[in-house]
Amino acid sequence: MENPYTFDPANNRVVLNVQRPNKVWLGTGAIYFTSLFWYSRRFLRVDGNGVAAGAFAFMSLPAAYSYARFFLSSAETEAAIMNNAREGKQ
């Protein structure tokens, strides 16, 4: 099987030319704003609790990013990004 990575000649543990695809960021935005829309329709209209709405908005952003990263990115890209972060090159 062919290696999907290109390594840095100076440090052979660092992967070159690896970025998250733009569709991850677009997917994050779509999931986040959709969840805020449905939250406001289902819960915010009923109880009007602004603190709970703020907490939901704050906590749903990392969840939306995780879902988008899981469904819209490849495992090879995520592994390369995690490897570069561990090597201190991100």
N, C-alpha and C. Protein backbone atom coordinates (compact mmCIF):
# COMPACT_ATOMS: atom_id res chain seq x y z
N MET A 1 0.84 -1.18 0.00
CA MET A 1 0.00 0.00 0.00
C MET A 1 0.88 1.24 0.00
N GLU A 2 0.49 2.24 -0.77
CA GLU A 2 1.28 3.45 -0.92
C GLU A 2 1.05 4.38 0.27
N ASN A 3 2.12 5.03 0.70
CA ASN A 3 2.05 5.96 1.82
C ASN A 3 1.38 7.26 1.37
N PRO A 4 0.32 7.72 2.05
CA PRO A 4 -0.39 8.93 1.61
C PRO A 4 0.28 10.23 2.06
N TYR A 5 1.40 10.17 2.76
CA TYR A 5 2.02 11.35 3.35
C TYR A 5 3.30 11.74 2.61
N THR A 6 3.62 13.04 2.71
CA THR A 6 4.91 13.56 2.29
C THR A 6 5.59 14.09 3.54
N PHE A 7 6.78 13.61 3.83
CA PHE A 7 7.46 13.96 5.07
C PHE A 7 8.50 15.04 4.84
N ASP A 8 8.77 15.80 5.90
CA ASP A 8 9.77 16.85 5.89
C ASP A 8 11.16 16.20 5.85
N PRO A 9 12.04 16.65 4.94
CA PRO A 9 13.37 16.03 4.89
C PRO A 9 14.21 16.31 6.15
N ALA A 10 14.01 17.45 6.79
CA ALA A 10 14.78 17.79 7.99
C ALA A 10 14.33 16.96 9.20
N ASN A 11 13.03 16.72 9.31
CA ASN A 11 12.49 15.94 10.41
C ASN A 11 11.50 14.95 9.80
N ASN A 12 11.89 13.70 9.71
CA ASN A 12 11.05 12.74 9.00
C ASN A 12 9.80 12.33 9.74
N ARG A 13 9.54 12.93 10.92
CA ARG A 13 8.30 12.64 11.64
C ARG A 13 7.23 13.70 11.40
N VAL A 14 7.55 14.77 10.68
CA VAL A 14 6.61 15.87 10.41
C VAL A 14 6.05 15.71 8.99
N VAL A 15 4.74 15.76 8.88
CA VAL A 15 4.05 15.60 7.60
C VAL A 15 3.88 16.97 6.96
N LEU A 16 4.21 17.07 5.68
CA LEU A 16 4.07 18.32 4.94
C LEU A 16 2.73 18.38 4.21
N ASN A 17 2.31 19.60 3.89
CA ASN A 17 1.13 19.86 3.05
C ASN A 17 -0.12 19.17 3.56
N VAL A 18 -0.42 19.35 4.83
CA VAL A 18 -1.65 18.77 5.38
C VAL A 18 -2.47 19.90 6.00
N GLN A 19 -3.72 20.00 5.58
CA GLN A 19 -4.67 20.98 6.11
C GLN A 19 -6.04 20.36 6.16
N ARG A 20 -6.85 20.86 7.09
CA ARG A 20 -8.24 20.40 7.12
C ARG A 20 -8.96 21.00 5.92
N PRO A 21 -9.80 20.21 5.28
CA PRO A 21 -10.53 20.75 4.13
C PRO A 21 -11.53 21.83 4.57
N ASN A 22 -11.83 22.74 3.65
CA ASN A 22 -12.76 23.84 3.95
C ASN A 22 -14.16 23.33 4.28
N LYS A 23 -14.49 22.16 3.78
CA LYS A 23 -15.84 21.64 4.04
C LYS A 23 -16.04 21.34 5.52
N VAL A 24 -14.97 21.14 6.29
CA VAL A 24 -15.11 20.94 7.73
C VAL A 24 -15.62 22.22 8.38
N TRP A 25 -15.05 23.36 7.98
CA TRP A 25 -15.48 24.64 8.57
C TRP A 25 -16.89 24.99 8.12
N LEU A 26 -17.21 24.73 6.87
CA LEU A 26 -18.58 24.99 6.39
C LEU A 26 -19.58 24.07 7.09
N GLY A 27 -19.21 22.82 7.26
CA GLY A 27 -20.08 21.88 7.97
C GLY A 27 -20.27 22.26 9.42
N THR A 28 -19.21 22.76 10.06
CA THR A 28 -19.31 23.22 11.45
C THR A 28 -20.32 24.36 11.56
N GLY A 29 -20.21 25.31 10.66
CA GLY A 29 -21.15 26.43 10.67
C GLY A 29 -22.58 25.99 10.43
N ALA A 30 -22.75 25.07 9.49
CA ALA A 30 -24.11 24.59 9.18
C ALA A 30 -24.71 23.85 10.36
N ILE A 31 -23.94 22.97 10.97
CA ILE A 31 -24.44 22.22 12.13
C ILE A 31 -24.71 23.15 13.29
N TYR A 32 -23.81 24.10 13.53
CA TYR A 32 -23.95 25.01 14.67
C TYR A 32 -25.20 25.89 14.53
N PHE A 33 -25.36 26.52 13.39
CA PHE A 33 -26.50 27.42 13.23
C PHE A 33 -27.82 26.66 13.13
N THR A 34 -27.80 25.46 12.59
CA THR A 34 -29.00 24.64 12.58
C THR A 34 -29.40 24.25 14.00
N SER A 35 -28.41 23.88 14.81
CA SER A 35 -28.72 23.50 16.19
C SER A 35 -29.25 24.71 16.98
N LEU A 36 -28.68 25.90 16.75
CA LEU A 36 -29.20 27.09 17.42
C LEU A 36 -30.62 27.40 16.98
N PHE A 37 -30.91 27.23 15.70
CA PHE A 37 -32.25 27.47 15.18
C PHE A 37 -33.27 26.53 15.84
N TRP A 38 -32.94 25.24 15.88
CA TRP A 38 -33.87 24.28 16.47
C TRP A 38 -33.98 24.45 17.98
N TYR A 39 -32.90 24.85 18.64
CA TYR A 39 -32.98 25.11 20.08
C TYR A 39 -33.92 26.28 20.35
N SER A 40 -33.77 27.35 19.56
CA SER A 40 -34.63 28.51 19.79
C SER A 40 -36.09 28.20 19.50
N ARG A 41 -36.35 27.35 18.52
CA ARG A 41 -37.74 26.99 18.21
C ARG A 41 -38.35 26.09 19.26
N ARG A 42 -37.55 25.19 19.80
CA ARG A 42 -38.12 24.20 20.71
C ARG A 42 -38.10 24.63 22.17
N PHE A 43 -37.01 25.24 22.64
CA PHE A 43 -36.86 25.52 24.06
C PHE A 43 -36.91 27.01 24.40
N LEU A 44 -36.24 27.84 23.62
CA LEU A 44 -36.17 29.26 23.97
C LEU A 44 -37.53 29.94 23.88
N ARG A 45 -38.36 29.52 22.95
CA ARG A 45 -39.70 30.10 22.86
C ARG A 45 -40.56 29.71 24.06
N VAL A 46 -40.33 28.53 24.60
CA VAL A 46 -41.17 28.03 25.69
C VAL A 46 -40.80 28.68 27.02
N ASP A 47 -39.51 28.60 27.39
CA ASP A 47 -39.14 29.10 28.72
C ASP A 47 -38.45 30.46 28.69
N GLY A 48 -37.86 30.88 27.59
CA GLY A 48 -37.23 32.18 27.51
C GLY A 48 -36.00 32.33 28.39
N ASN A 49 -35.35 31.24 28.73
CA ASN A 49 -34.20 31.26 29.62
C ASN A 49 -32.95 31.61 28.81
N GLY A 50 -32.48 32.84 28.97
CA GLY A 50 -31.32 33.31 28.23
C GLY A 50 -30.02 32.68 28.67
N VAL A 51 -29.92 32.36 29.95
CA VAL A 51 -28.70 31.73 30.46
C VAL A 51 -28.54 30.33 29.86
N ALA A 52 -29.61 29.58 29.81
CA ALA A 52 -29.55 28.24 29.21
C ALA A 52 -29.26 28.34 27.71
N ALA A 53 -29.81 29.35 27.05
CA ALA A 53 -29.54 29.53 25.62
C ALA A 53 -28.08 29.88 25.39
N GLY A 54 -27.53 30.74 26.24
CA GLY A 54 -26.11 31.08 26.13
C GLY A 54 -25.21 29.88 26.39
N ALA A 55 -25.55 29.08 27.38
CA ALA A 55 -24.77 27.88 27.67
C ALA A 55 -24.86 26.89 26.51
N PHE A 56 -26.06 26.75 25.94
CA PHE A 56 -26.20 25.86 24.80
C PHE A 56 -25.37 26.35 23.63
N ALA A 57 -25.41 27.65 23.35
CA ALA A 57 -24.63 28.20 22.24
C ALA A 57 -23.14 28.01 22.46
N PHE A 58 -22.69 28.18 23.70
CA PHE A 58 -21.27 28.03 24.02
C PHE A 58 -20.83 26.57 23.89
N MET A 59 -21.64 25.66 24.38
CA MET A 59 -21.24 24.25 24.39
C MET A 59 -21.51 23.53 23.07
N SER A 60 -22.36 24.07 22.23
CA SER A 60 -22.66 23.37 20.98
C SER A 60 -21.62 23.63 19.90
N LEU A 61 -20.82 24.67 20.03
CA LEU A 61 -19.81 24.94 19.02
C LEU A 61 -18.74 23.85 18.97
N PRO A 62 -18.14 23.43 20.10
CA PRO A 62 -17.18 22.32 20.00
C PRO A 62 -17.82 21.01 19.52
N ALA A 63 -19.05 20.79 19.90
CA ALA A 63 -19.73 19.57 19.45
C ALA A 63 -19.96 19.61 17.94
N ALA A 64 -20.37 20.76 17.41
CA ALA A 64 -20.58 20.89 15.97
C ALA A 64 -19.26 20.69 15.22
N TYR A 65 -18.18 21.22 15.76
CA TYR A 65 -16.86 21.05 15.13
C TYR A 65 -16.44 19.58 15.15
N SER A 66 -16.69 18.89 16.23
CA SER A 66 -16.33 17.47 16.32
C SER A 66 -17.13 16.63 15.34
N TYR A 67 -18.41 16.89 15.25
CA TYR A 67 -19.24 16.15 14.29
C TYR A 67 -18.80 16.41 12.85
N ALA A 68 -18.54 17.67 12.52
CA ALA A 68 -18.13 18.00 11.16
C ALA A 68 -16.77 17.38 10.84
N ARG A 69 -15.87 17.41 11.80
CA ARG A 69 -14.55 16.80 11.59
C ARG A 69 -14.66 15.29 11.39
N PHE A 70 -15.55 14.66 12.13
CA PHE A 70 -15.71 13.21 12.02
C PHE A 70 -16.31 12.82 10.67
N PHE A 71 -17.33 13.55 10.23
CA PHE A 71 -18.04 13.15 9.02
C PHE A 71 -17.45 13.72 7.73
N LEU A 72 -16.75 14.84 7.79
CA LEU A 72 -16.33 15.51 6.57
C LEU A 72 -14.83 15.51 6.32
N SER A 73 -14.05 14.93 7.19
CA SER A 73 -12.61 14.87 7.00
C SER A 73 -12.18 13.42 6.90
N SER A 74 -11.01 13.20 6.35
CA SER A 74 -10.52 11.82 6.23
C SER A 74 -9.68 11.45 7.45
N ALA A 75 -9.57 10.19 7.69
CA ALA A 75 -8.79 9.71 8.83
C ALA A 75 -7.31 9.99 8.63
N GLU A 76 -6.82 9.94 7.40
CA GLU A 76 -5.40 10.22 7.14
C GLU A 76 -5.06 11.67 7.44
N THR A 77 -5.94 12.58 7.05
CA THR A 77 -5.70 14.00 7.33
C THR A 77 -5.69 14.27 8.82
N GLU A 78 -6.65 13.72 9.53
CA GLU A 78 -6.71 13.92 10.98
C GLU A 78 -5.49 13.33 11.67
N ALA A 79 -5.04 12.17 11.23
CA ALA A 79 -3.85 11.55 11.82
C ALA A 79 -2.61 12.40 11.57
N ALA A 80 -2.49 12.96 10.38
CA ALA A 80 -1.34 13.81 10.07
C ALA A 80 -1.36 15.09 10.90
N ILE A 81 -2.53 15.69 11.07
CA ILE A 81 -2.65 16.91 11.87
C ILE A 81 -2.33 16.61 13.33
N MET A 82 -2.82 15.50 13.85
CA MET A 82 -2.51 15.14 15.24
C MET A 82 -1.03 14.84 15.40
N ASN A 83 -0.41 14.21 14.43
CA ASN A 83 1.02 13.92 14.49
C ASN A 83 1.84 15.21 14.50
N ASN A 84 1.49 16.15 13.63
CA ASN A 84 2.22 17.42 13.58
C ASN A 84 2.03 18.21 14.88
N ALA A 85 0.85 18.16 15.47
CA ALA A 85 0.63 18.85 16.74
C ALA A 85 1.48 18.22 17.84
N ARG A 86 1.59 16.91 17.82
CA ARG A 86 2.40 16.22 18.82
C ARG A 86 3.89 16.54 18.63
N GLU A 87 4.31 16.74 17.38
CA GLU A 87 5.70 17.07 17.10
C GLU A 87 5.98 18.56 17.29
N GLY A 88 4.95 19.36 17.51
CA GLY A 88 5.14 20.79 17.76
C GLY A 88 5.26 21.63 16.50
N LYS A 89 4.74 21.15 15.40
CA LYS A 89 4.87 21.86 14.13
C LYS A 89 3.55 22.38 13.59
N GLN A 90 2.53 22.51 14.40
CA GLN A 90 1.22 22.92 13.91
C GLN A 90 0.96 24.34 14.27
